[in-house]
Amino acid sequence: MKKLSFRIAVAAILIVVGTMGLSAQIGRGGACLNTGISTVVDRTCTTQLTVEQQDILGVLYVEFQAEMDLLRTAMRSATFTDKLAIREEMVDLRNAHLAEVKALLAEWGL
């Protein structure tokens, strides 16, 4: 009976630990930035955006990814201290991009 209880306890722990990663992104909003819009296609929120708005966000995303790719390339050949500085640049770039997208969504009333 002890072995069965132990196995059940281990199985329960593994299930709980295994499913924790599944909910890691819940509440973050992903590309929708916690606006309550849940449908995401091509990294844009599509349920309340017009085609023009989706195009604007798409262009911003492509520009952001191009800049991030440059920083990722620089990161590969950088020294440790340079990597820290590049990492800070990446964080600043991401925060600026998110602020720009949030400002557009606010301007559009979303």
PDB file of N, CA and C in Angstrom:
ATOM      1  N   MET A   1       0.823  -1.192   0.000  1.00  0.00           N
ATOM      2  CA  MET A   1       0.000   0.000   0.000  1.00  0.00           C
ATOM      3  C   MET A   1       0.865   1.253   0.000  1.00  0.00           C
ATOM      4  N   LYS A   2       2.026   1.183   0.692  1.00  0.00           N
ATOM      5  CA  LYS A   2       2.909   2.333   0.711  1.00  0.00           C
ATOM      6  C   LYS A   2       3.441   2.634  -0.685  1.00  0.00           C
ATOM      7  N   LYS A   3       3.771   1.589  -1.452  1.00  0.00           N
ATOM      8  CA  LYS A   3       4.308   1.788  -2.797  1.00  0.00           C
ATOM      9  C   LYS A   3       3.267   2.451  -3.691  1.00  0.00           C
ATOM     10  N   LEU A   4       2.019   2.030  -3.561  1.00  0.00           N
ATOM     11  CA  LEU A   4       0.964   2.613  -4.385  1.00  0.00           C
ATOM     12  C   LEU A   4       0.756   4.082  -4.035  1.00  0.00           C
ATOM     13  N   SER A   5       0.731   4.411  -2.776  1.00  0.00           N
ATOM     14  CA  SER A   5       0.574   5.810  -2.349  1.00  0.00           C
ATOM     15  C   SER A   5       1.746   6.654  -2.831  1.00  0.00           C
ATOM     16  N   PHE A   6       2.951   6.097  -2.744  1.00  0.00           N
ATOM     17  CA  PHE A   6       4.142   6.807  -3.200  1.00  0.00           C
ATOM     18  C   PHE A   6       4.076   7.058  -4.704  1.00  0.00           C
ATOM     19  N   ARG A   7       3.665   6.058  -5.457  1.00  0.00           N
ATOM     20  CA  ARG A   7       3.571   6.208  -6.914  1.00  0.00           C
ATOM     21  C   ARG A   7       2.519   7.241  -7.304  1.00  0.00           C
ATOM     22  N   ILE A   8       1.409   7.238  -6.594  1.00  0.00           N
ATOM     23  CA  ILE A   8       0.363   8.222  -6.867  1.00  0.00           C
ATOM     24  C   ILE A   8       0.869   9.625  -6.561  1.00  0.00           C
ATOM     25  N   ALA A   9       1.573   9.768  -5.443  1.00  0.00           N
ATOM     26  CA  ALA A   9       2.120  11.078  -5.070  1.00  0.00           C
ATOM     27  C   ALA A   9       3.135  11.559  -6.112  1.00  0.00           C
ATOM     28  N   VAL A  10       4.017  10.664  -6.555  1.00  0.00           N
ATOM     29  CA  VAL A  10       5.012  11.025  -7.565  1.00  0.00           C
ATOM     30  C   VAL A  10       4.326  11.399  -8.873  1.00  0.00           C
ATOM     31  N   ALA A  11       3.321  10.636  -9.262  1.00  0.00           N
ATOM     32  CA  ALA A  11       2.588  10.935 -10.494  1.00  0.00           C
ATOM     33  C   ALA A  11       1.911  12.303 -10.393  1.00  0.00           C
ATOM     34  N   ALA A  12       1.317  12.606  -9.249  1.00  0.00           N
ATOM     35  CA  ALA A  12       0.653  13.896  -9.063  1.00  0.00           C
ATOM     36  C   ALA A  12       1.648  15.041  -9.152  1.00  0.00           C
ATOM     37  N   ILE A  13       2.797  14.879  -8.550  1.00  0.00           N
ATOM     38  CA  ILE A  13       3.842  15.909  -8.599  1.00  0.00           C
ATOM     39  C   ILE A  13       4.319  16.114 -10.033  1.00  0.00           C
ATOM     40  N   LEU A  14       4.540  15.016 -10.756  1.00  0.00           N
ATOM     41  CA  LEU A  14       4.985  15.127 -12.142  1.00  0.00           C
ATOM     42  C   LEU A  14       3.939  15.804 -13.022  1.00  0.00           C
ATOM     43  N   ILE A  15       2.679  15.522 -12.775  1.00  0.00           N
ATOM     44  CA  ILE A  15       1.618  16.167 -13.548  1.00  0.00           C
ATOM     45  C   ILE A  15       1.587  17.662 -13.263  1.00  0.00           C
ATOM     46  N   VAL A  16       1.676  18.021 -11.995  1.00  0.00           N
ATOM     47  CA  VAL A  16       1.645  19.442 -11.632  1.00  0.00           C
ATOM     48  C   VAL A  16       2.850  20.164 -12.219  1.00  0.00           C
ATOM     49  N   VAL A  17       4.033  19.602 -12.058  1.00  0.00           N
ATOM     50  CA  VAL A  17       5.248  20.236 -12.572  1.00  0.00           C
ATOM     51  C   VAL A  17       5.226  20.261 -14.093  1.00  0.00           C
ATOM     52  N   GLY A  18       4.758  19.216 -14.701  1.00  0.00           N
ATOM     53  CA  GLY A  18       4.720  19.144 -16.155  1.00  0.00           C
ATOM     54  C   GLY A  18       3.757  20.119 -16.800  1.00  0.00           C
ATOM     55  N   THR A  19       2.687  20.451 -16.107  1.00  0.00           N
ATOM     56  CA  THR A  19       1.709  21.370 -16.686  1.00  0.00           C
ATOM     57  C   THR A  19       1.977  22.820 -16.326  1.00  0.00           C
ATOM     58  N   MET A  20       2.922  23.086 -15.456  1.00  0.00           N
ATOM     59  CA  MET A  20       3.222  24.465 -15.082  1.00  0.00           C
ATOM     60  C   MET A  20       3.697  25.270 -16.285  1.00  0.00           C
ATOM     61  N   GLY A  21       4.484  24.662 -17.143  1.00  0.00           N
ATOM     62  CA  GLY A  21       4.988  25.358 -18.312  1.00  0.00           C
ATOM     63  C   GLY A  21       3.908  25.687 -19.314  1.00  0.00           C
ATOM     64  N   LEU A  22       2.824  24.930 -19.303  1.00  0.00           N
ATOM     65  CA  LEU A  22       1.742  25.180 -20.244  1.00  0.00           C
ATOM     66  C   LEU A  22       1.029  26.494 -19.974  1.00  0.00           C
ATOM     67  N   SER A  23       1.013  26.909 -18.722  1.00  0.00           N
ATOM     68  CA  SER A  23       0.321  28.149 -18.388  1.00  0.00           C
ATOM     69  C   SER A  23       1.282  29.317 -18.218  1.00  0.00           C
ATOM     70  N   ALA A  24       2.530  29.157 -18.625  1.00  0.00           N
ATOM     71  CA  ALA A  24       3.521  30.206 -18.419  1.00  0.00           C
ATOM     72  C   ALA A  24       3.180  31.478 -19.173  1.00  0.00           C
ATOM     73  N   GLN A  25       2.536  31.376 -20.322  1.00  0.00           N
ATOM     74  CA  GLN A  25       2.237  32.557 -21.124  1.00  0.00           C
ATOM     75  C   GLN A  25       0.826  33.084 -20.936  1.00  0.00           C
ATOM     76  N   ILE A  26       0.025  32.402 -20.142  1.00  0.00           N
ATOM     77  CA  ILE A  26      -1.341  32.872 -19.917  1.00  0.00           C
ATOM     78  C   ILE A  26      -1.285  34.188 -19.150  1.00  0.00           C
ATOM     79  N   GLY A  27      -2.022  35.159 -19.603  1.00  0.00           N
ATOM     80  CA  GLY A  27      -2.049  36.449 -18.929  1.00  0.00           C
ATOM     81  C   GLY A  27      -1.037  37.437 -19.470  1.00  0.00           C
ATOM     82  N   ARG A  28      -0.059  36.968 -20.223  1.00  0.00           N
ATOM     83  CA  ARG A  28       0.937  37.872 -20.781  1.00  0.00           C
ATOM     84  C   ARG A  28       0.357  38.656 -21.947  1.00  0.00           C
ATOM     85  N   GLY A  29      -0.599  38.071 -22.630  1.00  0.00           N
ATOM     86  CA  GLY A  29      -1.212  38.766 -23.740  1.00  0.00           C
ATOM     87  C   GLY A  29      -0.518  38.531 -25.053  1.00  0.00           C
ATOM     88  N   GLY A  30       0.716  38.054 -25.004  1.00  0.00           N
ATOM     89  CA  GLY A  30       1.439  37.815 -26.239  1.00  0.00           C
ATOM     90  C   GLY A  30       1.427  39.043 -27.118  1.00  0.00           C
ATOM     91  N   ALA A  31       1.074  38.869 -28.359  1.00  0.00           N
ATOM     92  CA  ALA A  31       1.045  39.984 -29.290  1.00  0.00           C
ATOM     93  C   ALA A  31      -0.119  40.930 -29.026  1.00  0.00           C
ATOM     94  N   CYS A  32      -1.068  40.496 -28.221  1.00  0.00           N
ATOM     95  CA  CYS A  32      -2.244  41.327 -27.986  1.00  0.00           C
ATOM     96  C   CYS A  32      -2.063  42.288 -26.820  1.00  0.00           C
ATOM     97  N   LEU A  33      -0.979  42.175 -26.096  1.00  0.00           N
ATOM     98  CA  LEU A  33      -0.616  43.136 -25.067  1.00  0.00           C
ATOM     99  C   LEU A  33      -1.699  43.370 -24.020  1.00  0.00           C
ATOM    100  N   ASN A  34      -2.310  42.307 -23.571  1.00  0.00           N
ATOM    101  CA  ASN A  34      -3.323  42.364 -22.513  1.00  0.00           C
ATOM    102  C   ASN A  34      -4.490  43.278 -22.848  1.00  0.00           C
ATOM    103  N   THR A  35      -4.881  43.310 -24.096  1.00  0.00           N
ATOM    104  CA  THR A  35      -6.005  44.149 -24.485  1.00  0.00           C
ATOM    105  C   THR A  35      -7.322  43.400 -24.417  1.00  0.00           C
ATOM    106  N   GLY A  36      -7.261  42.104 -24.112  1.00  0.00           N
ATOM    107  CA  GLY A  36      -8.467  41.313 -24.067  1.00  0.00           C
ATOM    108  C   GLY A  36      -8.809  40.701 -25.402  1.00  0.00           C
ATOM    109  N   ILE A  37      -8.007  40.983 -26.404  1.00  0.00           N
ATOM    110  CA  ILE A  37      -8.228  40.418 -27.734  1.00  0.00           C
ATOM    111  C   ILE A  37      -7.476  39.102 -27.769  1.00  0.00           C
ATOM    112  N   SER A  38      -8.159  38.035 -28.103  1.00  0.00           N
ATOM    113  CA  SER A  38      -7.514  36.745 -27.973  1.00  0.00           C
ATOM    114  C   SER A  38      -7.067  36.117 -29.283  1.00  0.00           C
ATOM    115  N   THR A  39      -7.578  36.553 -30.411  1.00  0.00           N
ATOM    116  CA  THR A  39      -7.218  35.934 -31.675  1.00  0.00           C
ATOM    117  C   THR A  39      -5.941  36.558 -32.207  1.00  0.00           C
ATOM    118  N   VAL A  40      -4.915  35.747 -32.380  1.00  0.00           N
ATOM    119  CA  VAL A  40      -3.637  36.252 -32.865  1.00  0.00           C
ATOM    120  C   VAL A  40      -3.300  35.533 -34.165  1.00  0.00           C
ATOM    121  N   VAL A  41      -3.115  36.293 -35.230  1.00  0.00           N
ATOM    122  CA  VAL A  41      -2.708  35.747 -36.514  1.00  0.00           C
ATOM    123  C   VAL A  41      -1.542  36.585 -37.006  1.00  0.00           C
ATOM    124  N   ASP A  42      -0.443  35.941 -37.364  1.00  0.00           N
ATOM    125  CA  ASP A  42       0.748  36.646 -37.826  1.00  0.00           C
ATOM    126  C   ASP A  42       1.195  37.715 -36.834  1.00  0.00           C
ATOM    127  N   ARG A  43       1.147  37.384 -35.560  1.00  0.00           N
ATOM    128  CA  ARG A  43       1.621  38.234 -34.485  1.00  0.00           C
ATOM    129  C   ARG A  43       0.857  39.563 -34.351  1.00  0.00           C
ATOM    130  N   THR A  44      -0.362  39.627 -34.866  1.00  0.00           N
ATOM    131  CA  THR A  44      -1.200  40.799 -34.659  1.00  0.00           C
ATOM    132  C   THR A  44      -2.558  40.361 -34.148  1.00  0.00           C
ATOM    133  N   CYS A  45      -3.213  41.226 -33.420  1.00  0.00           N
ATOM    134  CA  CYS A  45      -4.549  40.951 -32.904  1.00  0.00           C
ATOM    135  C   CYS A  45      -5.532  41.270 -34.011  1.00  0.00           C
ATOM    136  N   THR A  46      -6.278  40.296 -34.428  1.00  0.00           N
ATOM    137  CA  THR A  46      -7.064  40.481 -35.642  1.00  0.00           C
ATOM    138  C   THR A  46      -8.539  40.743 -35.416  1.00  0.00           C
ATOM    139  N   THR A  47      -9.067  40.518 -34.252  1.00  0.00           N
ATOM    140  CA  THR A  47     -10.511  40.616 -34.104  1.00  0.00           C
ATOM    141  C   THR A  47     -11.012  42.046 -34.162  1.00  0.00           C
ATOM    142  N   GLN A  48     -10.238  43.011 -33.738  1.00  0.00           N
ATOM    143  CA  GLN A  48     -10.718  44.385 -33.697  1.00  0.00           C
ATOM    144  C   GLN A  48      -9.872  45.328 -34.548  1.00  0.00           C
ATOM    145  N   LEU A  49      -8.938  44.812 -35.309  1.00  0.00           N
ATOM    146  CA  LEU A  49      -8.078  45.666 -36.111  1.00  0.00           C
ATOM    147  C   LEU A  49      -8.503  45.653 -37.567  1.00  0.00           C
ATOM    148  N   THR A  50      -8.401  46.815 -38.185  1.00  0.00           N
ATOM    149  CA  THR A  50      -8.660  46.882 -39.616  1.00  0.00           C
ATOM    150  C   THR A  50      -7.434  46.357 -40.356  1.00  0.00           C
ATOM    151  N   VAL A  51      -7.559  46.165 -41.644  1.00  0.00           N
ATOM    152  CA  VAL A  51      -6.444  45.684 -42.449  1.00  0.00           C
ATOM    153  C   VAL A  51      -5.302  46.696 -42.420  1.00  0.00           C
ATOM    154  N   GLU A  52      -5.636  47.980 -42.466  1.00  0.00           N
ATOM    155  CA  GLU A  52      -4.602  49.022 -42.421  1.00  0.00           C
ATOM    156  C   GLU A  52      -3.847  48.987 -41.096  1.00  0.00           C
ATOM    157  N   GLN A  53      -4.583  48.815 -40.007  1.00  0.00           N
ATOM    158  CA  GLN A  53      -3.946  48.747 -38.693  1.00  0.00           C
ATOM    159  C   GLN A  53      -3.051  47.515 -38.592  1.00  0.00           C
ATOM    160  N   GLN A  54      -3.514  46.384 -39.132  1.00  0.00           N
ATOM    161  CA  GLN A  54      -2.691  45.184 -39.133  1.00  0.00           C
ATOM    162  C   GLN A  54      -1.419  45.400 -39.945  1.00  0.00           C
ATOM    163  N   ASP A  55      -1.540  46.116 -41.074  1.00  0.00           N
ATOM    164  CA  ASP A  55      -0.365  46.406 -41.893  1.00  0.00           C
ATOM    165  C   ASP A  55       0.630  47.289 -41.144  1.00  0.00           C
ATOM    166  N   ILE A  56       0.132  48.291 -40.434  1.00  0.00           N
ATOM    167  CA  ILE A  56       1.004  49.179 -39.664  1.00  0.00           C
ATOM    168  C   ILE A  56       1.757  48.385 -38.609  1.00  0.00           C
ATOM    169  N   LEU A  57       1.036  47.536 -37.872  1.00  0.00           N
ATOM    170  CA  LEU A  57       1.685  46.716 -36.850  1.00  0.00           C
ATOM    171  C   LEU A  57       2.657  45.725 -37.481  1.00  0.00           C
ATOM    172  N   GLY A  58       2.311  45.202 -38.649  1.00  0.00           N
ATOM    173  CA  GLY A  58       3.198  44.279 -39.341  1.00  0.00           C
ATOM    174  C   GLY A  58       4.507  44.937 -39.735  1.00  0.00           C
ATOM    175  N   VAL A  59       4.429  46.164 -40.235  1.00  0.00           N
ATOM    176  CA  VAL A  59       5.644  46.904 -40.614  1.00  0.00           C
ATOM    177  C   VAL A  59       6.497  47.167 -39.378  1.00  0.00           C
ATOM    178  N   LEU A  60       5.861  47.588 -38.291  1.00  0.00           N
ATOM    179  CA  LEU A  60       6.606  47.821 -37.049  1.00  0.00           C
ATOM    180  C   LEU A  60       7.302  46.543 -36.586  1.00  0.00           C
ATOM    181  N   TYR A  61       6.598  45.427 -36.691  1.00  0.00           N
ATOM    182  CA  TYR A  61       7.174  44.155 -36.254  1.00  0.00           C
ATOM    183  C   TYR A  61       8.373  43.765 -37.118  1.00  0.00           C
ATOM    184  N   VAL A  62       8.258  43.946 -38.435  1.00  0.00           N
ATOM    185  CA  VAL A  62       9.362  43.600 -39.336  1.00  0.00           C
ATOM    186  C   VAL A  62      10.582  44.469 -39.034  1.00  0.00           C
ATOM    187  N   GLU A  63      10.353  45.760 -38.804  1.00  0.00           N
ATOM    188  CA  GLU A  63      11.466  46.657 -38.461  1.00  0.00           C
ATOM    189  C   GLU A  63      12.109  46.243 -37.136  1.00  0.00           C
ATOM    190  N   PHE A  64      11.271  45.924 -36.160  1.00  0.00           N
ATOM    191  CA  PHE A  64      11.772  45.496 -34.850  1.00  0.00           C
ATOM    192  C   PHE A  64      12.611  44.229 -34.986  1.00  0.00           C
ATOM    193  N   GLN A  65      12.110  43.255 -35.739  1.00  0.00           N
ATOM    194  CA  GLN A  65      12.854  42.002 -35.909  1.00  0.00           C
ATOM    195  C   GLN A  65      14.169  42.219 -36.642  1.00  0.00           C
ATOM    196  N   ALA A  66      14.204  43.119 -37.622  1.00  0.00           N
ATOM    197  CA  ALA A  66      15.438  43.404 -38.343  1.00  0.00           C
ATOM    198  C   ALA A  66      16.495  43.982 -37.398  1.00  0.00           C
ATOM    199  N   GLU A  67      16.076  44.908 -36.542  1.00  0.00           N
ATOM    200  CA  GLU A  67      17.006  45.489 -35.568  1.00  0.00           C
ATOM    201  C   GLU A  67      17.467  44.438 -34.562  1.00  0.00           C
ATOM    202  N   MET A  68      16.547  43.589 -34.122  1.00  0.00           N
ATOM    203  CA  MET A  68      16.921  42.533 -33.180  1.00  0.00           C
ATOM    204  C   MET A  68      17.876  41.538 -33.822  1.00  0.00           C
ATOM    205  N   ASP A  69      17.676  41.225 -35.098  1.00  0.00           N
ATOM    206  CA  ASP A  69      18.575  40.311 -35.795  1.00  0.00           C
ATOM    207  C   ASP A  69      19.994  40.869 -35.849  1.00  0.00           C
ATOM    208  N   LEU A  70      20.114  42.176 -36.066  1.00  0.00           N
ATOM    209  CA  LEU A  70      21.440  42.805 -36.061  1.00  0.00           C
ATOM    210  C   LEU A  70      22.094  42.651 -34.689  1.00  0.00           C
ATOM    211  N   LEU A  71      21.322  42.871 -33.653  1.00  0.00           N
ATOM    212  CA  LEU A  71      21.868  42.733 -32.299  1.00  0.00           C
ATOM    213  C   LEU A  71      22.204  41.276 -31.983  1.00  0.00           C
ATOM    214  N   ARG A  72      21.386  40.338 -32.441  1.00  0.00           N
ATOM    215  CA  ARG A  72      21.690  38.913 -32.218  1.00  0.00           C
ATOM    216  C   ARG A  72      22.979  38.525 -32.924  1.00  0.00           C
ATOM    217  N   THR A  73      23.184  39.032 -34.136  1.00  0.00           N
ATOM    218  CA  THR A  73      24.407  38.749 -34.874  1.00  0.00           C
ATOM    219  C   THR A  73      25.611  39.325 -34.131  1.00  0.00           C
ATOM    220  N   ALA A  74      25.483  40.532 -33.626  1.00  0.00           N
ATOM    221  CA  ALA A  74      26.569  41.143 -32.857  1.00  0.00           C
ATOM    222  C   ALA A  74      26.831  40.363 -31.579  1.00  0.00           C
ATOM    223  N   MET A  75      25.777  39.819 -31.000  1.00  0.00           N
ATOM    224  CA  MET A  75      25.903  39.061 -29.754  1.00  0.00           C
ATOM    225  C   MET A  75      26.758  37.806 -29.947  1.00  0.00           C
ATOM    226  N   ARG A  76      26.672  37.185 -31.103  1.00  0.00           N
ATOM    227  CA  ARG A  76      27.389  35.930 -31.345  1.00  0.00           C
ATOM    228  C   ARG A  76      28.903  36.100 -31.291  1.00  0.00           C
ATOM    229  N   SER A  77      29.399  37.250 -31.712  1.00  0.00           N
ATOM    230  CA  SER A  77      30.853  37.434 -31.766  1.00  0.00           C
ATOM    231  C   SER A  77      31.368  38.380 -30.681  1.00  0.00           C
ATOM    232  N   ALA A  78      30.540  38.746 -29.741  1.00  0.00           N
ATOM    233  CA  ALA A  78      30.928  39.713 -28.714  1.00  0.00           C
ATOM    234  C   ALA A  78      31.573  39.030 -27.513  1.00  0.00           C
ATOM    235  N   THR A  79      32.342  39.828 -26.777  1.00  0.00           N
ATOM    236  CA  THR A  79      32.910  39.350 -25.513  1.00  0.00           C
ATOM    237  C   THR A  79      31.814  39.420 -24.450  1.00  0.00           C
ATOM    238  N   PHE A  80      32.132  38.898 -23.275  1.00  0.00           N
ATOM    239  CA  PHE A  80      31.133  38.836 -22.211  1.00  0.00           C
ATOM    240  C   PHE A  80      30.609  40.221 -21.845  1.00  0.00           C
ATOM    241  N   THR A  81      31.503  41.182 -21.647  1.00  0.00           N
ATOM    242  CA  THR A  81      31.050  42.520 -21.251  1.00  0.00           C
ATOM    243  C   THR A  81      30.263  43.189 -22.374  1.00  0.00           C
ATOM    244  N   ASP A  82      30.680  42.936 -23.624  1.00  0.00           N
ATOM    245  CA  ASP A  82      29.927  43.477 -24.753  1.00  0.00           C
ATOM    246  C   ASP A  82      28.553  42.828 -24.837  1.00  0.00           C
ATOM    247  N   LYS A  83      28.469  41.537 -24.513  1.00  0.00           N
ATOM    248  CA  LYS A  83      27.180  40.851 -24.539  1.00  0.00           C
ATOM    249  C   LYS A  83      26.200  41.465 -23.545  1.00  0.00           C
ATOM    250  N   LEU A  84      26.712  41.871 -22.390  1.00  0.00           N
ATOM    251  CA  LEU A  84      25.838  42.515 -21.404  1.00  0.00           C
ATOM    252  C   LEU A  84      25.280  43.825 -21.952  1.00  0.00           C
ATOM    253  N   ALA A  85      26.129  44.605 -22.607  1.00  0.00           N
ATOM    254  CA  ALA A  85      25.677  45.870 -23.184  1.00  0.00           C
ATOM    255  C   ALA A  85      24.680  45.628 -24.318  1.00  0.00           C
ATOM    256  N   ILE A  86      24.950  44.625 -25.146  1.00  0.00           N
ATOM    257  CA  ILE A  86      24.038  44.303 -26.243  1.00  0.00           C
ATOM    258  C   ILE A  86      22.708  43.829 -25.690  1.00  0.00           C
ATOM    259  N   ARG A  87      22.773  43.047 -24.637  1.00  0.00           N
ATOM    260  CA  ARG A  87      21.538  42.558 -24.012  1.00  0.00           C
ATOM    261  C   ARG A  87      20.694  43.733 -23.517  1.00  0.00           C
ATOM    262  N   GLU A  88      21.341  44.729 -22.918  1.00  0.00           N
ATOM    263  CA  GLU A  88      20.616  45.915 -22.461  1.00  0.00           C
ATOM    264  C   GLU A  88      19.988  46.653 -23.644  1.00  0.00           C
ATOM    265  N   GLU A  89      20.725  46.731 -24.758  1.00  0.00           N
ATOM    266  CA  GLU A  89      20.177  47.349 -25.967  1.00  0.00           C
ATOM    267  C   GLU A  89      18.942  46.587 -26.453  1.00  0.00           C
ATOM    268  N   MET A  90      19.013  45.263 -26.394  1.00  0.00           N
ATOM    269  CA  MET A  90      17.894  44.436 -26.841  1.00  0.00           C
ATOM    270  C   MET A  90      16.662  44.675 -25.965  1.00  0.00           C
ATOM    271  N   VAL A  91      16.877  44.761 -24.674  1.00  0.00           N
ATOM    272  CA  VAL A  91      15.766  45.008 -23.745  1.00  0.00           C
ATOM    273  C   VAL A  91      15.169  46.386 -24.011  1.00  0.00           C
ATOM    274  N   ASP A  92      16.038  47.392 -24.192  1.00  0.00           N
ATOM    275  CA  ASP A  92      15.553  48.746 -24.467  1.00  0.00           C
ATOM    276  C   ASP A  92      14.781  48.794 -25.783  1.00  0.00           C
ATOM    277  N   LEU A  93      15.291  48.098 -26.792  1.00  0.00           N
ATOM    278  CA  LEU A  93      14.619  48.056 -28.088  1.00  0.00           C
ATOM    279  C   LEU A  93      13.249  47.393 -27.971  1.00  0.00           C
ATOM    280  N   ARG A  94      13.191  46.276 -27.238  1.00  0.00           N
ATOM    281  CA  ARG A  94      11.916  45.592 -27.041  1.00  0.00           C
ATOM    282  C   ARG A  94      10.922  46.482 -26.302  1.00  0.00           C
ATOM    283  N   ASN A  95      11.387  47.137 -25.242  1.00  0.00           N
ATOM    284  CA  ASN A  95      10.492  48.008 -24.477  1.00  0.00           C
ATOM    285  C   ASN A  95       9.993  49.180 -25.317  1.00  0.00           C
ATOM    286  N   ALA A  96      10.871  49.745 -26.162  1.00  0.00           N
ATOM    287  CA  ALA A  96      10.467  50.844 -27.034  1.00  0.00           C
ATOM    288  C   ALA A  96       9.436  50.362 -28.057  1.00  0.00           C
ATOM    289  N   HIS A  97       9.654  49.163 -28.600  1.00  0.00           N
ATOM    290  CA  HIS A  97       8.711  48.604 -29.567  1.00  0.00           C
ATOM    291  C   HIS A  97       7.345  48.369 -28.920  1.00  0.00           C
ATOM    292  N   LEU A  98       7.339  47.780 -27.740  1.00  0.00           N
ATOM    293  CA  LEU A  98       6.073  47.535 -27.041  1.00  0.00           C
ATOM    294  C   LEU A  98       5.367  48.838 -26.707  1.00  0.00           C
ATOM    295  N   ALA A  99       6.128  49.850 -26.286  1.00  0.00           N
ATOM    296  CA  ALA A  99       5.527  51.143 -25.975  1.00  0.00           C
ATOM    297  C   ALA A  99       4.900  51.760 -27.222  1.00  0.00           C
ATOM    298  N   GLU A 100       5.582  51.625 -28.365  1.00  0.00           N
ATOM    299  CA  GLU A 100       5.049  52.158 -29.614  1.00  0.00           C
ATOM    300  C   GLU A 100       3.763  51.433 -30.019  1.00  0.00           C
ATOM    301  N   VAL A 101       3.751  50.114 -29.885  1.00  0.00           N
ATOM    302  CA  VAL A 101       2.556  49.345 -30.236  1.00  0.00           C
ATOM    303  C   VAL A 101       1.412  49.680 -29.280  1.00  0.00           C
ATOM    304  N   LYS A 102       1.710  49.762 -28.000  1.00  0.00           N
ATOM    305  CA  LYS A 102       0.668  50.105 -27.031  1.00  0.00           C
ATOM    306  C   LYS A 102       0.111  51.494 -27.290  1.00  0.00           C
ATOM    307  N   ALA A 103       0.979  52.430 -27.676  1.00  0.00           N
ATOM    308  CA  ALA A 103       0.514  53.788 -27.977  1.00  0.00           C
ATOM    309  C   ALA A 103      -0.414  53.781 -29.190  1.00  0.00           C
ATOM    310  N   LEU A 104      -0.061  52.996 -30.201  1.00  0.00           N
ATOM    311  CA  LEU A 104      -0.938  52.895 -31.365  1.00  0.00           C
ATOM    312  C   LEU A 104      -2.282  52.273 -31.004  1.00  0.00           C
ATOM    313  N   LEU A 105      -2.247  51.206 -30.212  1.00  0.00           N
ATOM    314  CA  LEU A 105      -3.501  50.573 -29.798  1.00  0.00           C
ATOM    315  C   LEU A 105      -4.358  51.520 -28.991  1.00  0.00           C
ATOM    316  N   ALA A 106      -3.720  52.320 -28.127  1.00  0.00           N
ATOM    317  CA  ALA A 106      -4.468  53.304 -27.334  1.00  0.00           C
ATOM    318  C   ALA A 106      -5.058  54.378 -28.245  1.00  0.00           C
ATOM    319  N   GLU A 107      -4.271  54.797 -29.231  1.00  0.00           N
ATOM    320  CA  GLU A 107      -4.753  55.792 -30.183  1.00  0.00           C
ATOM    321  C   GLU A 107      -5.949  55.270 -30.973  1.00  0.00           C
ATOM    322  N   TRP A 108      -5.928  53.992 -31.283  1.00  0.00           N
ATOM    323  CA  TRP A 108      -7.017  53.360 -32.028  1.00  0.00           C
ATOM    324  C   TRP A 108      -8.184  52.971 -31.129  1.00  0.00           C
ATOM    325  N   GLY A 109      -8.038  53.185 -29.831  1.00  0.00           N
ATOM    326  CA  GLY A 109      -9.117  52.868 -28.905  1.00  0.00           C
ATOM    327  C   GLY A 109      -9.214  51.409 -28.534  1.00  0.00           C
ATOM    328  N   LEU A 110      -8.094  50.696 -28.615  1.00  0.00           N
ATOM    329  CA  LEU A 110      -8.094  49.267 -28.275  1.00  0.00           C
ATOM    330  C   LEU A 110      -7.330  49.015 -27.005  1.00  0.00           C
TER     331      LEU A 110
END
